[in-house]
Protein backbone atom coordinates (compact mmCIF):
# COMPACT_ATOMS: atom_id res chain seq x y z
CA MET A 1 82.60 -18.77 94.72
CA ALA A 2 79.79 -20.41 96.23
CA ARG A 3 76.34 -18.56 96.21
CA PRO A 4 75.16 -17.16 99.52
CA ASP A 5 71.51 -18.36 99.03
CA LYS A 6 70.02 -21.76 99.18
CA LEU A 7 68.59 -24.02 96.57
CA LYS A 8 64.80 -23.90 96.39
CA LEU A 9 62.89 -27.03 95.95
CA GLY A 10 59.33 -27.90 95.13
CA THR A 11 57.57 -31.17 94.67
CA PHE A 12 55.64 -31.46 91.28
CA VAL A 13 52.46 -33.02 91.77
CA TYR A 14 50.59 -35.62 89.34
CA THR A 15 48.64 -37.71 91.81
CA PHE A 16 50.59 -40.92 91.43
CA GLY A 17 53.63 -39.30 89.97
CA PHE A 18 55.13 -38.02 86.73
CA ASN A 19 55.49 -41.38 84.90
CA PRO A 20 52.23 -42.63 83.21
CA ALA A 21 52.84 -45.94 84.75
CA ALA A 22 53.30 -44.77 88.29
CA TRP A 23 50.06 -45.80 89.53
CA ARG A 24 51.20 -49.37 88.93
CA HIS A 25 54.12 -49.09 91.37
CA PRO A 26 53.69 -51.41 94.17
CA ASP A 27 53.65 -48.64 96.84
CA ALA A 28 51.17 -46.66 94.86
CA ASP A 29 47.56 -46.13 96.59
CA VAL A 30 45.45 -46.47 93.65
CA HIS A 31 42.43 -44.87 95.56
CA GLY A 32 44.76 -41.75 96.09
CA ALA A 33 43.26 -39.69 93.35
CA ASN A 34 40.05 -39.17 95.56
CA ARG A 35 41.50 -39.30 98.96
CA ILE A 36 43.28 -36.45 100.76
CA ASP A 37 45.48 -38.73 102.60
CA HIS A 38 47.75 -39.46 99.71
CA LEU A 39 48.46 -35.90 98.86
CA LEU A 40 48.56 -34.87 102.47
CA ASN A 41 51.39 -37.45 103.02
CA VAL A 42 53.30 -36.12 100.09
CA ALA A 43 52.90 -32.50 101.60
CA LYS A 44 53.93 -33.82 104.84
CA ILE A 45 57.07 -35.43 103.50
CA SER A 46 57.77 -32.37 101.58
CA GLU A 47 57.44 -30.15 104.46
CA ALA A 48 59.37 -32.37 106.88
CA ALA A 49 62.34 -32.13 104.21
CA LYS A 50 61.82 -28.22 104.32
CA PHE A 51 60.72 -27.75 100.81
CA ASP A 52 59.68 -24.57 99.67
CA PHE A 53 56.21 -25.78 97.97
CA MET A 54 54.16 -28.57 96.40
CA PHE A 55 53.41 -27.58 92.60
CA LEU A 56 50.15 -28.71 91.62
CA ALA A 57 49.86 -28.86 87.52
CA ASP A 58 46.35 -28.95 86.15
CA SER A 59 44.26 -28.79 83.04
CA PRO A 60 40.33 -28.21 83.55
CA ALA A 61 39.80 -31.07 81.03
CA ALA A 62 39.95 -34.72 80.62
CA ALA A 63 42.46 -35.71 78.02
CA ILE A 64 41.52 -36.66 74.47
CA GLY A 65 42.92 -39.49 72.39
CA ASP A 66 42.90 -43.32 72.05
CA PRO A 67 40.28 -44.51 74.60
CA GLU A 68 42.17 -47.82 75.25
CA ALA A 69 45.14 -45.61 76.06
CA LEU A 70 43.37 -43.23 78.34
CA SER A 71 41.65 -45.93 80.04
CA ARG A 72 45.07 -46.97 81.41
CA SER A 73 46.44 -43.67 82.26
CA PRO A 74 44.71 -41.97 85.06
CA THR A 75 46.69 -38.65 85.23
CA LYS A 76 44.47 -36.42 83.45
CA MET A 77 41.23 -38.63 83.91
CA ASN A 78 40.75 -38.54 87.88
CA ARG A 79 42.21 -35.65 89.74
CA PHE A 80 41.42 -33.08 92.13
CA GLU A 81 40.47 -29.61 91.26
CA PRO A 82 43.71 -27.88 92.65
CA LEU A 83 42.47 -24.84 94.49
CA SER A 84 40.01 -26.77 96.27
CA LEU A 85 42.98 -29.26 97.29
CA ILE A 86 45.29 -26.73 98.30
CA SER A 87 42.61 -25.18 100.52
CA ALA A 88 42.28 -28.28 102.26
CA LEU A 89 46.07 -29.04 102.37
CA SER A 90 46.95 -25.63 103.66
CA VAL A 91 45.23 -25.88 107.06
CA LEU A 92 46.63 -29.41 107.66
CA THR A 93 50.25 -28.21 107.32
CA GLU A 94 52.28 -25.52 108.77
CA LYS A 95 55.15 -24.08 106.28
CA ILE A 96 55.19 -25.48 103.02
CA GLY A 97 53.78 -23.44 100.10
CA PHE A 98 51.19 -24.40 97.58
CA VAL A 99 51.34 -23.49 93.92
CA ALA A 100 48.16 -23.99 92.11
CA THR A 101 47.42 -23.85 88.35
CA ALA A 102 44.61 -21.77 87.14
CA SER A 103 44.08 -20.65 83.54
CA THR A 104 43.65 -16.78 82.46
CA SER A 105 41.75 -18.08 79.55
CA PHE A 106 38.78 -19.66 81.35
CA TYR A 107 38.44 -17.87 84.49
CA GLU A 108 37.56 -14.18 85.43
CA PRO A 109 39.87 -12.09 87.27
CA PHE A 110 37.68 -11.27 90.16
CA ASN A 111 37.19 -15.14 90.69
CA ILE A 112 40.98 -15.79 90.87
CA ALA A 113 41.84 -12.79 93.08
CA ARG A 114 39.15 -13.64 95.35
CA ILE A 115 40.14 -17.40 95.77
CA PHE A 116 43.64 -17.00 96.02
CA ALA A 117 43.36 -14.12 98.53
CA SER A 118 41.08 -16.48 100.74
CA ILE A 119 43.58 -19.57 100.43
CA ASP A 120 46.48 -17.03 101.44
CA HIS A 121 44.58 -16.18 104.72
CA LEU A 122 43.61 -19.74 105.29
CA SER A 123 47.41 -20.84 104.86
CA GLY A 124 48.92 -17.78 106.80
CA GLY A 125 50.48 -16.66 103.73
CA ARG A 126 51.57 -19.95 101.58
CA ALA A 127 49.81 -19.45 98.40
CA CYS A 128 51.00 -19.13 94.92
CA TRP A 129 49.13 -18.89 91.67
CA ASN A 130 50.61 -20.47 88.63
CA VAL A 131 49.46 -18.49 85.64
CA VAL A 132 48.59 -20.24 82.52
CA THR A 133 46.90 -19.40 79.20
CA SER A 134 46.25 -23.25 78.58
CA ASP A 135 47.91 -25.24 75.67
CA HIS A 136 45.60 -28.16 74.82
CA ASP A 137 42.39 -27.86 72.77
CA GLU A 138 40.29 -30.17 74.95
CA THR A 139 40.28 -27.29 77.64
CA GLY A 140 38.57 -25.00 75.03
CA TYR A 141 35.89 -27.62 74.48
CA ASN A 142 34.56 -27.06 77.96
CA TYR A 143 34.34 -23.37 77.83
CA ASN A 144 32.50 -22.52 74.86
CA PHE A 145 35.26 -22.70 72.35
CA ASP A 146 35.97 -24.87 69.61
CA GLY A 147 39.34 -25.91 70.65
CA LEU A 148 42.10 -23.25 72.05
CA PRO A 149 41.58 -19.47 71.08
CA PRO A 150 44.68 -18.29 69.07
CA HIS A 151 47.91 -17.81 71.24
CA SER A 152 48.14 -14.18 70.66
CA TRP A 153 44.65 -13.77 72.19
CA ARG A 154 45.37 -16.02 75.31
CA TYR A 155 48.59 -14.10 76.02
CA GLU A 156 46.97 -10.42 75.35
CA ARG A 157 43.90 -11.45 77.55
CA GLY A 158 46.48 -13.07 80.31
CA ALA A 159 48.43 -10.15 80.72
CA GLU A 160 45.67 -7.99 81.30
CA PHE A 161 43.96 -10.64 83.30
CA VAL A 162 47.07 -10.51 85.76
CA ASP A 163 47.03 -6.80 85.92
CA VAL A 164 43.37 -6.76 87.13
CA VAL A 165 44.16 -9.46 89.75
CA PHE A 166 47.01 -7.25 90.82
CA GLY A 167 44.79 -4.32 91.18
CA LEU A 168 42.04 -6.30 93.04
CA TRP A 169 44.73 -7.66 95.66
CA ASP A 170 45.73 -3.87 96.40
CA SER A 171 41.98 -3.12 97.31
CA PHE A 172 42.58 -3.13 101.18
CA GLU A 173 45.57 -1.27 102.08
CA PRO A 174 47.72 -3.31 104.55
CA ASP A 175 46.49 -1.49 107.47
CA ALA A 176 42.88 -0.61 106.50
CA LEU A 177 41.37 -2.90 109.11
CA VAL A 178 40.76 -0.91 112.20
CA LEU A 179 38.74 -3.35 114.22
CA ASP A 180 37.74 -0.88 116.78
CA LYS A 181 34.91 -2.44 118.90
CA ALA A 182 34.89 0.59 121.09
CA SER A 183 34.26 3.16 118.07
CA GLY A 184 32.41 0.67 115.80
CA LEU A 185 34.74 1.42 113.34
CA TYR A 186 35.78 -1.84 111.08
CA TYR A 187 38.00 -0.44 108.38
CA ASP A 188 39.22 3.03 107.33
CA LYS A 189 37.10 3.97 104.28
CA ASP A 190 39.90 5.99 102.78
CA LYS A 191 42.20 2.73 102.74
CA LEU A 192 39.81 0.74 100.68
CA HIS A 193 40.05 1.56 96.85
CA ILE A 194 37.57 0.96 93.84
CA LEU A 195 39.65 -0.44 90.82
CA ASN A 196 37.31 0.55 88.07
CA HIS A 197 39.21 -1.21 85.39
CA LYS A 198 37.97 -0.84 81.74
CA GLY A 199 40.27 -2.68 79.11
CA LYS A 200 40.03 -4.65 76.18
CA HIS A 201 39.00 -7.91 77.58
CA PHE A 202 37.60 -6.93 81.11
CA GLN A 203 35.50 -4.59 82.82
CA VAL A 204 35.90 -4.91 86.81
CA ARG A 205 34.72 -2.41 88.96
CA GLY A 206 35.90 -3.92 92.49
CA PRO A 207 36.93 -3.73 95.04
CA LEU A 208 37.89 -7.19 96.41
CA ASN A 209 35.92 -8.14 99.19
CA VAL A 210 38.85 -9.91 100.97
CA ALA A 211 41.40 -7.86 103.15
CA ALA A 212 45.05 -7.49 102.20
CA SER A 213 46.90 -11.02 101.94
CA PRO A 214 49.42 -12.24 104.73
CA GLN A 215 52.24 -11.96 102.05
CA GLY A 216 51.40 -8.59 100.49
CA ARG A 217 49.84 -10.71 97.54
CA PRO A 218 50.18 -14.49 96.73
CA VAL A 219 53.27 -15.47 94.92
CA ILE A 220 53.23 -15.61 91.06
CA ALA A 221 54.67 -18.67 89.08
CA GLN A 222 54.87 -19.01 85.28
CA ALA A 223 56.23 -21.54 82.80
CA GLY A 224 55.69 -19.73 79.49
CA GLY A 225 58.83 -19.86 77.36
CA SER A 226 57.35 -18.08 74.37
CA GLU A 227 58.27 -14.50 73.59
CA PRO A 228 55.18 -12.87 75.39
CA GLY A 229 55.54 -15.47 78.20
CA MET A 230 59.06 -14.51 78.80
CA GLU A 231 57.78 -10.70 78.70
CA LEU A 232 54.94 -11.54 81.01
CA ALA A 233 57.24 -13.67 83.57
CA ALA A 234 59.84 -10.68 83.66
CA ARG A 235 57.02 -8.44 84.63
CA THR A 236 55.04 -10.48 86.90
CA ALA A 237 56.63 -13.67 87.92
CA GLU A 238 58.37 -14.84 90.89
CA ILE A 239 58.90 -18.51 90.15
CA VAL A 240 59.55 -19.58 86.63
CA PHE A 241 58.95 -23.19 85.83
CA SER A 242 61.50 -23.72 82.99
CA LEU A 243 61.94 -26.99 80.97
CA ALA A 244 65.33 -26.30 79.00
CA SER A 245 66.97 -29.66 78.44
CA ASN A 246 70.68 -28.63 79.48
CA LEU A 247 72.47 -26.27 81.54
CA GLU A 248 73.55 -23.97 78.64
CA ARG A 249 70.12 -23.50 77.34
CA ASN A 250 68.48 -23.09 80.78
CA LYS A 251 71.21 -20.37 81.69
CA ALA A 252 70.57 -18.60 78.75
CA PHE A 253 66.76 -18.78 79.38
CA ALA A 254 67.24 -17.55 82.78
CA GLU A 255 69.64 -14.55 81.71
CA ASN A 256 66.82 -13.48 79.10
CA VAL A 257 64.12 -13.58 81.46
CA LYS A 258 66.17 -11.73 84.34
CA GLY A 259 67.53 -9.46 81.79
CA ARG A 260 64.27 -7.90 81.15
CA MET A 261 63.15 -7.37 84.65
CA ALA A 262 65.01 -3.90 85.11
CA LYS A 263 62.63 -1.96 82.72
CA TYR A 264 59.86 -3.09 85.13
CA GLY A 265 61.74 -1.93 88.05
CA ARG A 266 62.03 -5.30 89.46
CA GLN A 267 65.50 -6.97 91.16
CA THR A 268 66.63 -10.26 89.74
CA SER A 269 66.61 -11.57 93.33
CA ASP A 270 62.82 -11.40 93.15
CA LEU A 271 62.59 -14.24 90.42
CA LYS A 272 63.67 -17.72 91.11
CA MET A 273 64.35 -19.78 87.98
CA MET A 274 63.31 -23.56 88.85
CA PRO A 275 63.62 -26.08 86.09
CA GLY A 276 61.70 -29.27 86.29
CA VAL A 277 63.78 -32.14 86.52
CA VAL A 278 62.91 -35.95 86.51
CA ILE A 279 65.09 -37.69 89.21
CA ASN A 280 65.62 -41.42 89.66
CA VAL A 281 67.96 -42.02 92.42
CA GLY A 282 69.39 -45.45 93.96
CA ALA A 283 72.20 -46.26 96.24
CA THR A 284 73.77 -47.60 93.08
CA LYS A 285 73.61 -46.58 89.54
CA ALA A 286 72.23 -50.25 88.82
CA GLU A 287 69.57 -49.79 91.46
CA ALA A 288 68.40 -46.25 90.08
CA GLN A 289 68.33 -47.65 86.49
CA ALA A 290 66.10 -50.50 87.88
CA LYS A 291 63.57 -48.13 89.11
CA VAL A 292 63.18 -46.59 85.57
CA ASP A 293 63.10 -50.03 83.84
CA PHE A 294 60.25 -51.00 86.14
CA LEU A 295 58.29 -48.16 85.18
CA ILE A 296 58.84 -48.39 81.40
CA ASP A 297 58.28 -51.98 81.47
CA ASN A 298 54.94 -51.26 83.03
CA LEU A 299 54.10 -48.64 80.50
CA HIS A 300 51.32 -50.08 78.34
CA PRO A 301 52.07 -49.64 74.60
CA ASP A 302 49.03 -47.76 74.04
CA VAL A 303 49.84 -45.20 76.65
CA GLY A 304 53.37 -44.94 75.35
CA ARG A 305 52.05 -44.27 71.95
CA TRP A 306 49.59 -41.83 73.31
CA MET A 307 52.15 -40.00 75.75
CA LEU A 308 54.41 -39.39 72.92
CA GLY A 309 51.78 -38.45 70.48
CA GLU A 310 50.33 -35.73 72.87
CA PHE A 311 53.73 -34.04 72.97
CA LEU A 312 54.15 -34.37 69.59
CA GLU A 313 50.53 -33.32 68.59
CA THR A 314 50.15 -36.38 66.37
CA ASP A 315 48.07 -39.55 66.31
CA LEU A 316 50.39 -42.46 66.81
CA SER A 317 47.91 -45.03 67.50
CA GLY A 318 48.58 -48.33 65.44
CA ALA A 319 52.11 -47.38 64.68
CA ALA A 320 54.59 -50.34 64.89
CA LEU A 321 56.76 -50.17 68.02
CA ASP A 322 59.51 -52.18 65.94
CA GLU A 323 59.73 -50.07 63.11
CA PRO A 324 61.13 -46.59 62.63
CA PHE A 325 59.14 -43.61 63.60
CA PRO A 326 56.48 -42.91 61.16
CA MET A 327 58.03 -39.41 59.60
CA GLU A 328 54.72 -38.49 57.83
CA ARG A 329 53.19 -38.15 61.22
CA LEU A 330 55.78 -35.91 62.61
CA PRO A 331 54.52 -32.17 62.82
CA ALA A 332 56.92 -29.42 61.40
CA GLU A 333 56.92 -27.33 64.74
CA PRO A 334 56.32 -27.96 68.42
CA LYS A 335 53.43 -26.57 70.38
CA GLY A 336 55.04 -27.43 73.77
CA SER A 337 59.11 -27.44 74.61
CA LYS A 338 61.06 -26.83 71.69
CA ALA A 339 64.18 -27.98 73.07
CA LEU A 340 62.72 -31.29 73.90
CA PHE A 341 61.10 -31.50 70.39
CA GLU A 342 64.34 -30.96 68.75
CA GLU A 343 66.12 -33.72 70.87
CA LEU A 344 63.24 -35.99 70.02
CA THR A 345 63.50 -35.33 66.31
CA ASP A 346 67.33 -35.59 66.35
CA TYR A 347 66.68 -39.08 67.88
CA ILE A 348 64.03 -39.91 65.47
CA ARG A 349 66.34 -39.21 62.41
CA LYS A 350 69.14 -41.54 63.79
CA GLY A 351 66.73 -44.46 62.70
CA HIS A 352 65.41 -45.59 66.32
CA THR A 353 62.22 -47.46 66.32
CA LEU A 354 59.11 -46.00 67.82
CA GLY A 355 59.47 -48.28 70.75
CA HIS A 356 63.00 -47.03 71.57
CA LEU A 357 61.81 -43.49 71.22
CA ILE A 358 59.02 -43.95 73.44
CA ARG A 359 61.33 -45.56 75.95
CA HIS A 360 63.84 -42.53 75.71
CA TYR A 361 60.91 -39.90 76.19
CA ALA A 362 59.49 -41.85 79.23
CA GLU A 363 62.81 -41.60 80.97
CA LYS A 364 63.93 -38.17 79.91
CA SER A 365 60.45 -36.74 80.03
CA THR A 366 61.14 -32.92 79.95
CA GLY A 367 64.57 -33.26 78.51
CA ASN A 368 66.50 -33.01 81.68
CA GLY A 369 65.81 -36.36 83.49
CA ILE A 370 68.78 -37.58 85.22
CA THR A 371 69.24 -41.36 86.69
CA GLY A 372 72.02 -41.99 89.17
CA THR A 373 73.49 -41.99 92.73
CA PRO A 374 72.92 -39.52 95.30
CA THR A 375 76.20 -38.11 94.66
CA GLU A 376 75.65 -37.81 90.84
CA ILE A 377 72.32 -36.10 91.65
CA ALA A 378 73.75 -33.71 93.89
CA ASP A 379 76.63 -32.89 91.58
CA PHE A 380 74.17 -32.10 88.72
CA MET A 381 71.87 -29.85 90.90
CA GLU A 382 75.13 -28.10 92.43
CA GLU A 383 76.44 -27.41 88.88
CA TRP A 384 73.33 -25.91 87.52
CA PHE A 385 72.95 -23.82 90.90
CA GLU A 386 76.40 -22.50 90.79
CA ALA A 387 76.41 -21.63 87.10
CA GLY A 388 73.34 -19.59 87.39
CA ALA A 389 71.02 -21.84 85.35
CA ALA A 390 68.78 -22.43 88.20
CA ASP A 391 67.95 -20.95 91.79
CA GLY A 392 66.46 -24.23 92.52
CA PHE A 393 64.46 -27.32 91.15
CA ILE A 394 60.79 -28.72 90.90
CA LEU A 395 61.28 -32.11 91.24
CA MET A 396 58.77 -34.18 88.89
CA CYS A 397 59.09 -37.38 91.19
CA PRO A 398 58.36 -40.34 88.61
CA THR A 399 56.35 -41.83 91.47
CA LEU A 400 54.68 -40.31 94.75
CA PRO A 401 55.46 -40.97 97.38
CA ALA A 402 58.17 -43.52 96.59
CA SER A 403 60.64 -41.26 94.42
CA LEU A 404 60.02 -38.24 96.89
CA THR A 405 61.06 -40.44 99.63
CA ASP A 406 64.08 -41.68 97.75
CA PHE A 407 65.11 -38.06 97.14
CA VAL A 408 64.69 -37.02 100.73
CA THR A 409 66.37 -40.06 101.95
CA LEU A 410 69.40 -40.21 99.53
CA VAL A 411 69.86 -37.05 98.02
CA LEU A 412 68.91 -34.52 100.57
CA PRO A 413 71.57 -35.34 103.15
CA GLU A 414 74.23 -34.94 100.54
CA LEU A 415 72.83 -31.48 99.54
CA ARG A 416 72.77 -30.57 103.41
CA ARG A 417 76.38 -31.81 103.72
CA ARG A 418 77.40 -29.49 100.90
CA GLY A 419 75.57 -26.57 102.63
CA LEU A 420 73.22 -26.15 99.60
CA VAL A 421 69.88 -26.29 101.26
CA ARG A 422 68.28 -24.95 104.44
CA ASP A 423 68.02 -26.80 107.72
CA GLU A 424 65.21 -25.01 108.77
CA TYR A 425 62.48 -22.55 107.38
CA GLU A 426 63.48 -18.97 107.39
CA GLY A 427 60.06 -17.74 107.78
CA SER A 428 56.31 -18.46 107.98
CA THR A 429 55.27 -17.36 104.52
CA LEU A 430 56.11 -18.74 101.09
CA ARG A 431 57.28 -15.32 100.16
CA GLU A 432 59.89 -15.19 103.25
CA ASN A 433 61.07 -18.74 102.73
CA LEU A 434 61.76 -18.07 98.68
CA GLY A 435 63.73 -14.83 99.66
CA LEU A 436 61.25 -12.57 97.79
CA SER A 437 60.49 -9.08 98.73
CA LEU A 438 57.16 -7.74 100.10
CA PRO A 439 55.11 -6.27 97.36
CA VAL A 440 54.26 -2.45 98.26
CA ASN A 441 50.36 -1.74 97.97
CA ARG A 442 50.11 0.63 94.91
CA TYR A 443 48.08 3.34 96.76
CA VAL A 444 50.56 3.47 99.68
CA ALA A 445 53.25 3.77 97.02
CA ALA A 446 51.49 6.57 95.32
CA ARG A 447 50.83 8.24 98.65
CA GLN A 448 54.63 8.03 99.65
CA GLN A 449 55.83 9.42 96.20
CA GLY A 450 53.15 12.32 96.38
């Protein structure tokens, strides 16, 4: 039986695209990392296609590693700060949402609450905070740490951080602003609340000096697949960006996270599971494969070694491409996606050369990369959607805007023909378009219950 809802779609944004060689694509604007025109064009294409949001991944640090490789891979070396960027993009668009990454390990709750509340007002209710605790040592080097603090500390701090932000977003009740010129009353003092939070990691008095958000509060996204991450997602997240490499794994992950929501008084409809998927599409299979081959052929060997080494957390510089993977450099456990790590280690043990492994990783990336015709791509998405493995997808376009345009031109009409995606936006806020309920202010709820 077909689902009554529609597929949700988001555009994953690295400046030039998800593939490290994307900046060498003939249609790439090499100046795009420092000009708003390029990313505004991506936003406009996504909005015209009625996508739900643009998803801006980020790390507040330059990458570390082989200088030769990094000098050929601009993704992490030259990029806009995402909160500044979505502030600008939000006033130049009308309907599309903006998801920006900000780490609980390196911000303060009051800053995040104030910035995202401001962006939500500027955008008319289209802001989303992607909650991360950070996962690369180079980030810690910029914030008074020698690498990253322990995982348990980061998640403990992160959970309290989110609670404080939620509390600050509830400072003003929705109808607190009276705005009565005649009486001179701007707001109802009884509907502004001081948080007075005192916890293990934070002491925050409040209140937030920004009125209630147009959508109750900004939407929350999260991607953590660890046990603490899944618990935090079940309690707080409304978009979960997953990286499971096949339908069965992602369905199990979705059921795991959604199965925890009831104990927090939440409905499963208030969480959208959205796997990241790398899509290469062409009018024919051969055309799609040619697009993959172009990017891989333009991936410099040093960049390929660094890209794979960053994921595996090992130094592959100098390793021969035409020889089997140097097993002594393979770590025992992954720090990132366990599913993709297992897939790559299985591939390694089959005796493939390092060059073959880099090519395999470059094409598959998150593990569920797909290359094919519009029908094949639509079949893939429909199968995952109907099976409950996904409520939508975050498109990790290999190149921007070329791969996004390919999807919109070739795949979207087929999805529309099948009735899987919207023809028009349902509302004006991101929360409305995602089909998420409006959060109830805690002080209003307490008064109603009392």
